[in-house]
C-alpha atoms as a PDB file:
ATOM      1  CA  UNK A   1      15.384  22.045   3.845  1.00  0.00           C
ATOM      2  CA  UNK A   2      15.701  25.527   2.415  1.00  0.00           C
ATOM      3  CA  UNK A   3      18.216  26.510   5.074  1.00  0.00           C
ATOM      4  CA  UNK A   4      20.104  23.261   4.565  1.00  0.00           C
ATOM      5  CA  UNK A   5      20.145  23.781   0.810  1.00  0.00           C
ATOM      6  CA  UNK A   6      21.638  27.215   1.332  1.00  0.00           C
ATOM      7  CA  UNK A   7      24.189  26.440   4.043  1.00  0.00           C
ATOM      8  CA  UNK A   8      24.869  22.714   3.601  1.00  0.00           C
ATOM      9  CA  UNK A   9      24.159  21.908  -0.046  1.00  0.00           C
ATOM     10  CA  UNK A  10      26.337  18.788   0.098  1.00  0.00           C
ATOM     11  CA  UNK A  11      23.828  17.235   2.500  1.00  0.00           C
ATOM     12  CA  UNK A  12      20.777  18.023   0.386  1.00  0.00           C
ATOM     13  CA  UNK A  13      22.595  16.714  -2.699  1.00  0.00           C
ATOM     14  CA  UNK A  14      23.125  13.389  -0.911  1.00  0.00           C
ATOM     15  CA  UNK A  15      19.421  13.272   0.002  1.00  0.00           C
ATOM     16  CA  UNK A  16      18.588  13.790  -3.672  1.00  0.00           C
ATOM     17  CA  UNK A  17      20.916  10.898  -4.530  1.00  0.00           C
ATOM     18  CA  UNK A  18      19.151   8.679  -1.996  1.00  0.00           C
ATOM     19  CA  UNK A  19      15.774   9.637  -3.490  1.00  0.00           C
ATOM     20  CA  UNK A  20      17.033   8.719  -6.953  1.00  0.00           C
ATOM     21  CA  UNK A  21      18.293   5.378  -5.646  1.00  0.00           C
ATOM     22  CA  UNK A  22      14.898   4.589  -4.103  1.00  0.00           C
ATOM     23  CA  UNK A  23      13.116   5.485  -7.324  1.00  0.00           C
ATOM     24  CA  UNK A  24      15.440   3.293  -9.397  1.00  0.00           C
ATOM     25  CA  UNK A  25      15.672   0.173  -7.216  1.00  0.00           C
ATOM     26  CA  UNK A  26      12.284   0.132  -5.482  1.00  0.00           C
ATOM     27  CA  UNK A  27      11.313  -3.489  -4.667  1.00  0.00           C
ATOM     28  CA  UNK A  28       7.720  -2.527  -3.800  1.00  0.00           C
ATOM     29  CA  UNK A  29       5.003  -1.050  -5.957  1.00  0.00           C
ATOM     30  CA  UNK A  30       4.434   2.701  -6.083  1.00  0.00           C
ATOM     31  CA  UNK A  31       1.109   2.589  -4.234  1.00  0.00           C
ATOM     32  CA  UNK A  32       2.654   0.697  -1.299  1.00  0.00           C
ATOM     33  CA  UNK A  33       5.557   3.151  -1.272  1.00  0.00           C
ATOM     34  CA  UNK A  34       3.129   6.085  -1.158  1.00  0.00           C
ATOM     35  CA  UNK A  35       1.117   4.455   1.643  1.00  0.00           C
ATOM     36  CA  UNK A  36       4.256   3.974   3.750  1.00  0.00           C
ATOM     37  CA  UNK A  37       5.400   7.525   3.093  1.00  0.00           C
ATOM     38  CA  UNK A  38       1.929   8.855   3.916  1.00  0.00           C
ATOM     39  CA  UNK A  39       1.890   7.037   7.254  1.00  0.00           C
ATOM     40  CA  UNK A  40       5.382   8.291   8.119  1.00  0.00           C
ATOM     41  CA  UNK A  41       4.417  11.823   7.096  1.00  0.00           C
ATOM     42  CA  UNK A  42       1.393  11.705   9.383  1.00  0.00           C
ATOM     43  CA  UNK A  43       3.538  10.542  12.305  1.00  0.00           C
ATOM     44  CA  UNK A  44       6.172  13.127  11.435  1.00  0.00           C
ATOM     45  CA  UNK A  45       3.455  15.809  11.324  1.00  0.00           C
ATOM     46  CA  UNK A  46       4.650  17.152   7.976  1.00  0.00           C
ATOM     47  CA  UNK A  47       1.711  18.828   6.264  1.00  0.00           C
ATOM     48  CA  UNK A  48       3.477  19.243   2.889  1.00  0.00           C
ATOM     49  CA  UNK A  49       4.541  15.584   2.903  1.00  0.00           C
ATOM     50  CA  UNK A  50       1.049  14.381   3.868  1.00  0.00           C
ATOM     51  CA  UNK A  51      -0.387  16.311   0.927  1.00  0.00           C
ATOM     52  CA  UNK A  52       2.366  15.071  -1.410  1.00  0.00           C
ATOM     53  CA  UNK A  53       1.927  11.410  -0.510  1.00  0.00           C
ATOM     54  CA  UNK A  54      -1.878  11.665  -0.440  1.00  0.00           C
ATOM     55  CA  UNK A  55      -1.731  12.883  -4.024  1.00  0.00           C
ATOM     56  CA  UNK A  56       1.009  10.366  -4.831  1.00  0.00           C
ATOM     57  CA  UNK A  57      -1.100   7.480  -3.550  1.00  0.00           C
ATOM     58  CA  UNK A  58      -4.058   8.572  -5.640  1.00  0.00           C
ATOM     59  CA  UNK A  59      -1.810   8.960  -8.694  1.00  0.00           C
ATOM     60  CA  UNK A  60      -0.500   5.433  -8.054  1.00  0.00           C
ATOM     61  CA  UNK A  61      -4.040   4.066  -8.262  1.00  0.00           C
ATOM     62  CA  UNK A  62      -5.218   4.207  -4.662  1.00  0.00           C
ATOM     63  CA  UNK A  63      -8.820   5.023  -3.941  1.00  0.00           C
ATOM     64  CA  UNK A  64      -9.925   7.535  -1.340  1.00  0.00           C
ATOM     65  CA  UNK A  65     -11.297   4.584   0.623  1.00  0.00           C
ATOM     66  CA  UNK A  66      -7.854   2.928   0.636  1.00  0.00           C
ATOM     67  CA  UNK A  67      -6.190   6.157   1.718  1.00  0.00           C
ATOM     68  CA  UNK A  68      -8.790   6.491   4.483  1.00  0.00           C
ATOM     69  CA  UNK A  69      -7.885   2.998   5.637  1.00  0.00           C
ATOM     70  CA  UNK A  70      -4.197   4.000   5.775  1.00  0.00           C
ATOM     71  CA  UNK A  71      -5.143   7.093   7.818  1.00  0.00           C
ATOM     72  CA  UNK A  72      -7.169   4.974  10.250  1.00  0.00           C
ATOM     73  CA  UNK A  73      -4.458   2.316  10.449  1.00  0.00           C
ATOM     74  CA  UNK A  74      -1.782   4.924  11.146  1.00  0.00           C
ATOM     75  CA  UNK A  75      -3.867   6.578  13.857  1.00  0.00           C
ATOM     76  CA  UNK A  76      -4.778   3.240  15.451  1.00  0.00           C
ATOM     77  CA  UNK A  77      -1.201   1.953  15.463  1.00  0.00           C
ATOM     78  CA  UNK A  78       0.000   5.265  16.881  1.00  0.00           C
ATOM     79  CA  UNK A  79      -2.633   5.099  19.622  1.00  0.00           C
ATOM     80  CA  UNK A  80      -1.565   1.563  20.485  1.00  0.00           C
ATOM     81  CA  UNK A  81       2.095   2.508  20.594  1.00  0.00           C
ATOM     82  CA  UNK A  82       1.342   5.589  22.699  1.00  0.00           C
ATOM     83  CA  UNK A  83      -0.752   3.472  25.050  1.00  0.00           C
ATOM     84  CA  UNK A  84       1.995   0.853  25.496  1.00  0.00           C
ATOM     85  CA  UNK A  85       4.742   3.434  25.934  1.00  0.00           C
ATOM     86  CA  UNK A  86       2.781   5.566  28.409  1.00  0.00           C
ATOM     87  CA  UNK A  87       1.778   2.580  30.519  1.00  0.00           C
ATOM     88  CA  UNK A  88       5.388   1.411  30.573  1.00  0.00           C
ATOM     89  CA  UNK A  89       6.569   4.854  31.697  1.00  0.00           C
ATOM     90  CA  UNK A  90       3.879   5.087  34.370  1.00  0.00           C
ATOM     91  CA  UNK A  91       4.009   1.453  35.551  1.00  0.00           C
ATOM     92  CA  UNK A  92       5.165   2.660  38.968  1.00  0.00           C
ATOM     93  CA  UNK A  93       2.545   5.406  39.156  1.00  0.00           C
ATOM     94  CA  UNK A  94       1.877   4.828  42.855  1.00  0.00           C
ATOM     95  CA  UNK A  95       5.572   5.248  43.624  1.00  0.00           C
ATOM     96  CA  UNK A  96       5.667   8.390  41.491  1.00  0.00           C
ATOM     97  CA  UNK A  97       2.759   9.878  43.450  1.00  0.00           C
ATOM     98  CA  UNK A  98       4.355   9.013  46.774  1.00  0.00           C
ATOM     99  CA  UNK A  99       7.659  10.551  45.671  1.00  0.00           C
ATOM    100  CA  UNK A 100       9.563   7.297  46.149  1.00  0.00           C
ATOM    101  CA  UNK A 101      10.241   6.652  42.482  1.00  0.00           C
ATOM    102  CA  UNK A 102      13.846   7.075  41.362  1.00  0.00           C
ATOM    103  CA  UNK A 103      12.607   8.049  37.904  1.00  0.00           C
ATOM    104  CA  UNK A 104      10.654  10.995  39.316  1.00  0.00           C
ATOM    105  CA  UNK A 105      13.729  12.245  41.194  1.00  0.00           C
ATOM    106  CA  UNK A 106      16.103  12.158  38.226  1.00  0.00           C
ATOM    107  CA  UNK A 107      13.948  14.008  35.755  1.00  0.00           C
ATOM    108  CA  UNK A 108      15.414  16.892  33.805  1.00  0.00           C
ATOM    109  CA  UNK A 109      12.160  18.753  34.421  1.00  0.00           C
ATOM    110  CA  UNK A 110      12.544  18.816  38.212  1.00  0.00           C
ATOM    111  CA  UNK A 111      12.737  22.231  39.806  1.00  0.00           C
END
């Protein structure tokens, strides 16, 4: 965001406006908001955001046990989604191995 703030401040200003809107008109409680943001931060692999929303959840009344549950839930749901997606991509694995799969021939990674 630092580069955006320097070279495209109009964009970062709009993000600040969106943040203010969320804070003003939030239809969920703060702890739930922090849990959602924590899960998204984990999936987005943003270390500063994970720390921010970890602390935010605790400040909103969450216990470490509740935060641990959110961590486990996020990891489990991610594993399930990864499992489903990967199996869908590799559903024709025998065709891929044999070289007969159209998907293996149209890959951008082919040399």
